[in-house]
């Protein structure tokens, strides 16, 4: 394990310890205020970070199994949110079966099959299996729901997993690439929120996400570009200009992922995608931006350096 990776892990846990101590101090100094939600969020972050560290630091088989489980939980949560036809139980089972196959291709580092398995083979197979049921009611609607679910929860997330098996490039390991991607994606969300809260005036898409502002979007993108440039040489093989472009890509894509999932939740009338992560909502609430940033970052990086 590289020294940079160890330092990255230490920084994560130090930040969590500081956050935990801060919440405890605030609770003691201002007991009249309700700190339970913030405490829940920090406690959940402990579990998120522990799972994240295990996913990128354990042997390949264990690491990819953890990522596969994340895809499974995300797909399961998606199917609990989106209404499906009772007759589609077997196609739903086949959709779940796509998870181990997709991650097997990652394990084998079979890049070409990894790329086409879900967008081509699963895309063609699932409607065929649904046709055999003989139910024409809402067929196109049900097919779209099934395809989109597999794409965002399995195909997109598996790009994060594939980063871990990329060959080392000048001591920049796959684990460091995952840290870079996730750190920028999360910081982009936080920066857009903070800039929007402090300076936000112009609404970007008020019907979908009323709190999103142009000032928050621009401020978040600029902050993400700066952070990308600072971390690029440490965690990735990217050059300075490449890091800035990747920061721009992640800033824009993260915003799109966030508002797309907001549109989905508004369409079905829910605030959170689930209750799996106390204080945060569901797993899709935490992965919404990553669903867009992961494949775009992966293919940009792969084109530039692999």
Protein backbone atom coordinates (compact mmCIF):
# COMPACT_ATOMS: atom_id res chain seq x y z
CA UNK A 1 0.00 0.00 0.00
CA UNK A 2 1.49 3.35 -1.06
CA UNK A 3 2.33 6.05 1.46
CA UNK A 4 0.01 8.48 -0.36
CA UNK A 5 -2.88 6.05 0.04
CA UNK A 6 -2.15 5.57 3.74
CA UNK A 7 -2.02 9.35 4.26
CA UNK A 8 -5.33 9.69 2.42
CA UNK A 9 -6.95 7.16 4.75
CA UNK A 10 -5.50 8.94 7.79
CA UNK A 11 -6.90 12.28 6.58
CA UNK A 12 -10.37 10.74 6.15
CA UNK A 13 -10.47 9.31 9.65
CA UNK A 14 -8.98 12.45 11.21
CA UNK A 15 -11.75 14.51 9.60
CA UNK A 16 -14.35 12.08 10.95
CA UNK A 17 -12.86 12.25 14.44
CA UNK A 18 -12.87 16.06 14.30
CA UNK A 19 -16.50 16.06 13.13
CA UNK A 20 -17.51 13.63 15.90
CA UNK A 21 -15.79 15.70 18.59
CA UNK A 22 -17.28 18.92 17.21
CA UNK A 23 -20.83 17.50 17.37
CA UNK A 24 -20.26 16.33 20.95
CA UNK A 25 -18.93 19.75 22.00
CA UNK A 26 -21.83 21.55 20.32
CA UNK A 27 -24.31 19.22 22.03
CA UNK A 28 -22.78 19.99 25.43
CA UNK A 29 -22.57 23.75 24.89
CA UNK A 30 -26.02 24.12 23.28
CA UNK A 31 -28.17 21.30 24.66
CA UNK A 32 -31.36 23.21 23.84
CA UNK A 33 -30.75 22.69 20.12
CA UNK A 34 -31.49 19.45 18.31
CA UNK A 35 -28.21 18.01 17.01
CA UNK A 36 -29.61 14.52 16.37
CA UNK A 37 -29.76 14.78 12.57
CA UNK A 38 -26.21 16.10 12.31
CA UNK A 39 -25.05 13.38 14.72
CA UNK A 40 -26.80 10.77 12.57
CA UNK A 41 -25.08 12.10 9.46
CA UNK A 42 -21.62 11.91 11.03
CA UNK A 43 -22.26 8.42 12.41
CA UNK A 44 -23.37 7.27 8.97
CA UNK A 45 -20.28 8.81 7.41
CA UNK A 46 -18.19 6.55 9.65
CA UNK A 47 -19.82 3.51 8.06
CA UNK A 48 -19.58 4.98 4.56
CA UNK A 49 -15.87 5.70 4.93
CA UNK A 50 -15.12 2.28 6.45
CA UNK A 51 -16.88 0.52 3.56
CA UNK A 52 -15.14 2.84 1.09
CA UNK A 53 -11.70 2.11 2.56
CA UNK A 54 -12.36 -1.65 2.45
CA UNK A 55 -13.61 -1.40 -1.13
CA UNK A 56 -10.41 0.18 -2.43
CA UNK A 57 -7.76 -1.40 -0.18
CA UNK A 58 -8.69 -5.09 0.01
CA UNK A 59 -7.66 -7.82 -2.50
CA UNK A 60 -9.38 -7.57 -5.87
CA UNK A 61 -11.95 -10.30 -5.30
CA UNK A 62 -13.12 -8.79 -1.99
CA UNK A 63 -13.01 -5.25 -3.33
CA UNK A 64 -15.17 -6.03 -6.35
CA UNK A 65 -17.59 -8.03 -4.19
CA UNK A 66 -18.12 -4.92 -2.06
CA UNK A 67 -18.75 -2.81 -5.16
CA UNK A 68 -21.15 -5.46 -6.47
CA UNK A 69 -23.05 -5.36 -3.18
CA UNK A 70 -23.32 -1.57 -3.47
CA UNK A 71 -24.79 -1.99 -6.97
CA UNK A 72 -27.19 -4.64 -5.64
CA UNK A 73 -28.41 -2.40 -2.81
CA UNK A 74 -28.77 0.55 -5.19
CA UNK A 75 -30.75 -1.50 -7.73
CA UNK A 76 -32.95 -2.95 -4.99
CA UNK A 77 -33.63 0.55 -3.64
CA UNK A 78 -34.43 1.74 -7.16
CA UNK A 79 -36.99 -1.04 -7.68
CA UNK A 80 -38.65 -0.22 -4.35
CA UNK A 81 -39.04 3.38 -5.53
CA UNK A 82 -40.21 2.81 -9.10
CA UNK A 83 -43.46 0.87 -9.63
CA UNK A 84 -42.99 -2.24 -11.78
CA UNK A 85 -45.47 -4.71 -13.26
CA UNK A 86 -46.17 -7.89 -11.30
CA UNK A 87 -45.60 -9.88 -14.46
CA UNK A 88 -41.99 -8.64 -14.70
CA UNK A 89 -40.63 -10.66 -11.77
CA UNK A 90 -38.40 -12.83 -13.98
CA UNK A 91 -36.98 -9.88 -15.97
CA UNK A 92 -36.24 -8.20 -12.62
CA UNK A 93 -34.37 -11.32 -11.54
CA UNK A 94 -32.35 -11.23 -14.76
CA UNK A 95 -31.54 -7.58 -14.08
CA UNK A 96 -30.06 -8.59 -10.71
CA UNK A 97 -28.15 -11.40 -12.41
CA UNK A 98 -26.41 -8.77 -14.57
CA UNK A 99 -24.56 -7.54 -11.46
CA UNK A 100 -22.21 -10.51 -10.88
CA UNK A 101 -21.58 -10.79 -14.62
CA UNK A 102 -20.65 -7.13 -14.98
CA UNK A 103 -18.27 -7.28 -12.02
CA UNK A 104 -16.82 -10.57 -13.28
CA UNK A 105 -15.78 -8.71 -16.44
CA UNK A 106 -14.17 -6.07 -14.22
CA UNK A 107 -12.36 -8.83 -12.30
CA UNK A 108 -11.09 -10.34 -15.56
CA UNK A 109 -10.17 -6.84 -16.75
CA UNK A 110 -12.09 -7.65 -19.93
CA UNK A 111 -12.46 -4.03 -21.02
CA UNK A 112 -14.40 -4.56 -24.25
CA UNK A 113 -17.04 -6.80 -22.64
CA UNK A 114 -17.24 -4.50 -19.62
CA UNK A 115 -18.15 -1.68 -22.00
CA UNK A 116 -20.83 -3.45 -24.04
CA UNK A 117 -22.40 -6.06 -21.75
CA UNK A 118 -25.10 -3.85 -20.23
CA UNK A 119 -25.57 -1.20 -22.97
CA UNK A 120 -25.82 -3.88 -25.69
CA UNK A 121 -26.49 -7.42 -24.46
CA UNK A 122 -28.64 -6.61 -21.41
CA UNK A 123 -30.37 -3.89 -23.45
CA UNK A 124 -31.35 -6.45 -26.08
CA UNK A 125 -32.09 -9.36 -23.75
CA UNK A 126 -34.44 -7.80 -21.19
CA UNK A 127 -37.15 -6.66 -23.66
CA UNK A 128 -37.03 -10.09 -25.31
CA UNK A 129 -37.58 -11.74 -21.93
CA UNK A 130 -40.43 -9.33 -21.19
CA UNK A 131 -42.08 -10.08 -24.53
CA UNK A 132 -42.23 -13.78 -23.65
CA UNK A 133 -44.47 -12.92 -20.71
CA UNK A 134 -47.14 -11.76 -23.15
CA UNK A 135 -48.16 -8.62 -21.23
CA UNK A 136 -48.48 -5.61 -23.55
CA UNK A 137 -49.72 -3.18 -20.90
CA UNK A 138 -47.16 -0.37 -20.32
CA UNK A 139 -44.52 -2.45 -22.08
CA UNK A 140 -42.39 0.49 -23.28
CA UNK A 141 -42.70 2.22 -19.89
CA UNK A 142 -41.64 -0.92 -18.00
CA UNK A 143 -38.75 -1.62 -20.36
CA UNK A 144 -37.41 1.93 -19.95
CA UNK A 145 -37.65 1.68 -16.16
CA UNK A 146 -35.75 -1.59 -16.14
CA UNK A 147 -33.02 -0.45 -18.52
CA UNK A 148 -32.45 2.87 -16.79
CA UNK A 149 -32.22 1.23 -13.39
CA UNK A 150 -29.55 -1.24 -14.52
CA UNK A 151 -27.61 1.52 -16.27
CA UNK A 152 -27.37 3.87 -13.31
CA UNK A 153 -26.95 1.33 -10.50
CA UNK A 154 -24.77 -1.29 -12.19
CA UNK A 155 -23.12 0.10 -15.31
CA UNK A 156 -22.29 3.56 -13.94
CA UNK A 157 -21.13 2.37 -10.52
CA UNK A 158 -19.02 -0.42 -12.02
CA UNK A 159 -16.81 2.30 -13.56
CA UNK A 160 -15.66 3.18 -10.04
CA UNK A 161 -14.76 -0.48 -9.51
CA UNK A 162 -12.85 -0.66 -12.80
CA UNK A 163 -10.65 2.23 -11.68
CA UNK A 164 -9.27 -0.04 -8.95
CA UNK A 165 -7.98 -2.59 -11.48
CA UNK A 166 -6.34 -0.14 -13.87
CA UNK A 167 -2.57 -0.70 -14.13
CA UNK A 168 -0.41 1.53 -11.92
CA UNK A 169 0.74 4.61 -13.79
CA UNK A 170 3.83 6.25 -12.25
CA UNK A 171 2.84 4.92 -8.79
CA UNK A 172 -0.67 6.37 -9.19
CA UNK A 173 -2.73 3.35 -8.17
CA UNK A 174 -6.37 2.65 -8.92
CA UNK A 175 -7.28 3.26 -5.27
CA UNK A 176 -5.90 6.80 -5.51
CA UNK A 177 -7.94 7.38 -8.67
CA UNK A 178 -11.10 6.36 -6.80
CA UNK A 179 -10.24 8.72 -3.92
CA UNK A 180 -9.69 11.52 -6.43
CA UNK A 181 -13.02 10.90 -8.18
CA UNK A 182 -15.09 10.51 -5.00
CA UNK A 183 -13.39 13.44 -3.22
CA UNK A 184 -14.03 15.79 -6.14
CA UNK A 185 -17.61 14.60 -6.57
CA UNK A 186 -18.47 15.04 -2.89
CA UNK A 187 -16.62 18.36 -2.59
CA UNK A 188 -18.42 19.62 -5.70
CA UNK A 189 -21.79 18.89 -4.05
CA UNK A 190 -20.72 20.63 -0.84
CA UNK A 191 -19.18 23.62 -2.64
CA UNK A 192 -22.26 24.15 -4.81
CA UNK A 193 -24.43 24.04 -1.69
CA UNK A 194 -22.25 26.50 0.26
CA UNK A 195 -21.83 28.95 -2.63
CA UNK A 196 -25.54 28.77 -3.35
CA UNK A 197 -26.45 29.39 0.30
CA UNK A 198 -24.09 32.36 0.63
CA UNK A 199 -24.42 34.07 -2.77
CA UNK A 200 -27.27 32.34 -4.58
CA UNK A 201 -29.83 34.56 -6.29
CA UNK A 202 -30.53 33.25 -9.80
CA UNK A 203 -32.47 29.97 -9.89
CA UNK A 204 -31.18 27.47 -12.46
CA UNK A 205 -34.04 24.96 -12.64
CA UNK A 206 -36.60 25.99 -9.99
CA UNK A 207 -39.23 23.44 -11.03
CA UNK A 208 -36.85 20.52 -10.41
CA UNK A 209 -34.54 21.77 -7.68
CA UNK A 210 -35.57 25.18 -6.26
CA UNK A 211 -32.39 25.52 -4.17
CA UNK A 212 -30.01 25.22 -7.12
CA UNK A 213 -28.66 28.59 -8.19
CA UNK A 214 -26.35 29.80 -10.94
CA UNK A 215 -23.97 31.25 -8.35
CA UNK A 216 -23.81 27.92 -6.55
CA UNK A 217 -23.23 26.06 -9.80
CA UNK A 218 -20.43 28.34 -10.99
CA UNK A 219 -18.83 28.58 -7.54
CA UNK A 220 -18.92 24.81 -7.14
CA UNK A 221 -17.39 24.19 -10.56
CA UNK A 222 -14.57 26.69 -9.96
CA UNK A 223 -13.88 25.20 -6.52
CA UNK A 224 -13.85 21.69 -7.98
CA UNK A 225 -11.47 22.75 -10.76
CA UNK A 226 -9.09 24.26 -8.21
CA UNK A 227 -9.21 21.16 -6.01
CA UNK A 228 -8.76 18.94 -9.06
CA UNK A 229 -5.65 20.89 -10.05
CA UNK A 230 -4.22 20.69 -6.50
CA UNK A 231 -4.82 16.93 -6.15
CA UNK A 232 -4.20 15.91 -9.75
CA UNK A 233 -0.42 15.56 -9.52
CA UNK A 234 -0.64 13.78 -6.15
CA UNK A 235 -3.33 11.20 -6.91
CA UNK A 236 -3.43 10.83 -10.70
CA UNK A 237 -1.21 10.80 -13.80
CA UNK A 238 -3.06 13.89 -15.09
CA UNK A 239 -1.16 17.00 -16.12
CA UNK A 240 -2.13 20.42 -14.80
CA UNK A 241 -4.34 21.34 -17.74
CA UNK A 242 -5.89 17.89 -17.81
CA UNK A 243 -6.71 18.18 -14.12
CA UNK A 244 -8.48 21.48 -14.70
CA UNK A 245 -10.55 19.99 -17.52
CA UNK A 246 -11.41 16.95 -15.39
CA UNK A 247 -12.47 19.31 -12.60
CA UNK A 248 -14.76 21.12 -15.04
CA UNK A 249 -16.16 17.79 -16.23
CA UNK A 250 -16.85 16.54 -12.70
CA UNK A 251 -18.34 19.89 -11.63
CA UNK A 252 -20.85 19.95 -14.49
CA UNK A 253 -21.59 16.20 -14.45
CA UNK A 254 -22.07 16.16 -10.67
CA UNK A 255 -24.64 18.92 -10.94
CA UNK A 256 -26.49 17.07 -13.71
CA UNK A 257 -26.52 13.80 -11.75
CA UNK A 258 -27.91 15.57 -8.70
CA UNK A 259 -30.76 17.31 -10.53
CA UNK A 260 -31.63 14.24 -12.63
CA UNK A 261 -32.17 12.17 -9.49
CA UNK A 262 -34.09 15.09 -7.97
CA UNK A 263 -36.37 15.02 -11.01
CA UNK A 264 -36.90 11.27 -10.54
CA UNK A 265 -37.80 11.70 -6.87
CA UNK A 266 -40.14 14.60 -7.62
CA UNK A 267 -41.82 12.55 -10.33
CA UNK A 268 -42.65 9.74 -7.91
CA UNK A 269 -43.33 12.09 -4.99
CA UNK A 270 -40.59 11.21 -2.48
CA UNK A 271 -38.02 13.34 -0.66
CA UNK A 272 -35.39 10.63 -0.17
CA UNK A 273 -34.70 7.50 -2.18
CA UNK A 274 -34.69 5.34 0.96
CA UNK A 275 -33.71 5.02 4.63
CA UNK A 276 -30.61 2.85 4.36
CA UNK A 277 -28.28 5.67 5.42
CA UNK A 278 -29.67 7.49 8.49
CA UNK A 279 -29.35 11.25 8.12
CA UNK A 280 -28.60 10.95 4.41
CA UNK A 281 -31.61 9.10 3.01
CA UNK A 282 -31.04 6.21 0.66
CA UNK A 283 -27.99 4.93 -1.14
CA UNK A 284 -29.10 6.63 -4.37
CA UNK A 285 -29.18 9.96 -2.50
CA UNK A 286 -25.45 9.55 -1.86
CA UNK A 287 -24.60 8.16 -5.30
CA UNK A 288 -26.67 10.53 -7.46
CA UNK A 289 -23.75 12.72 -8.58
CA UNK A 290 -21.33 9.78 -8.84
CA UNK A 291 -23.69 8.04 -11.27
CA UNK A 292 -22.77 10.74 -13.81
CA UNK A 293 -19.21 11.62 -12.80
CA UNK A 294 -17.84 8.05 -12.61
CA UNK A 295 -18.26 6.92 -16.25
CA UNK A 296 -17.27 10.32 -17.66
CA UNK A 297 -14.15 10.55 -15.48
CA UNK A 298 -13.21 6.94 -16.20
CA UNK A 299 -13.38 7.27 -19.99
CA UNK A 300 -11.66 10.65 -20.06
CA UNK A 301 -8.83 9.26 -17.92
CA UNK A 302 -8.64 6.04 -19.95
CA UNK A 303 -8.42 8.00 -23.20
CA UNK A 304 -5.70 10.30 -21.87
CA UNK A 305 -3.41 7.83 -20.07
CA UNK A 306 -4.28 4.15 -20.67
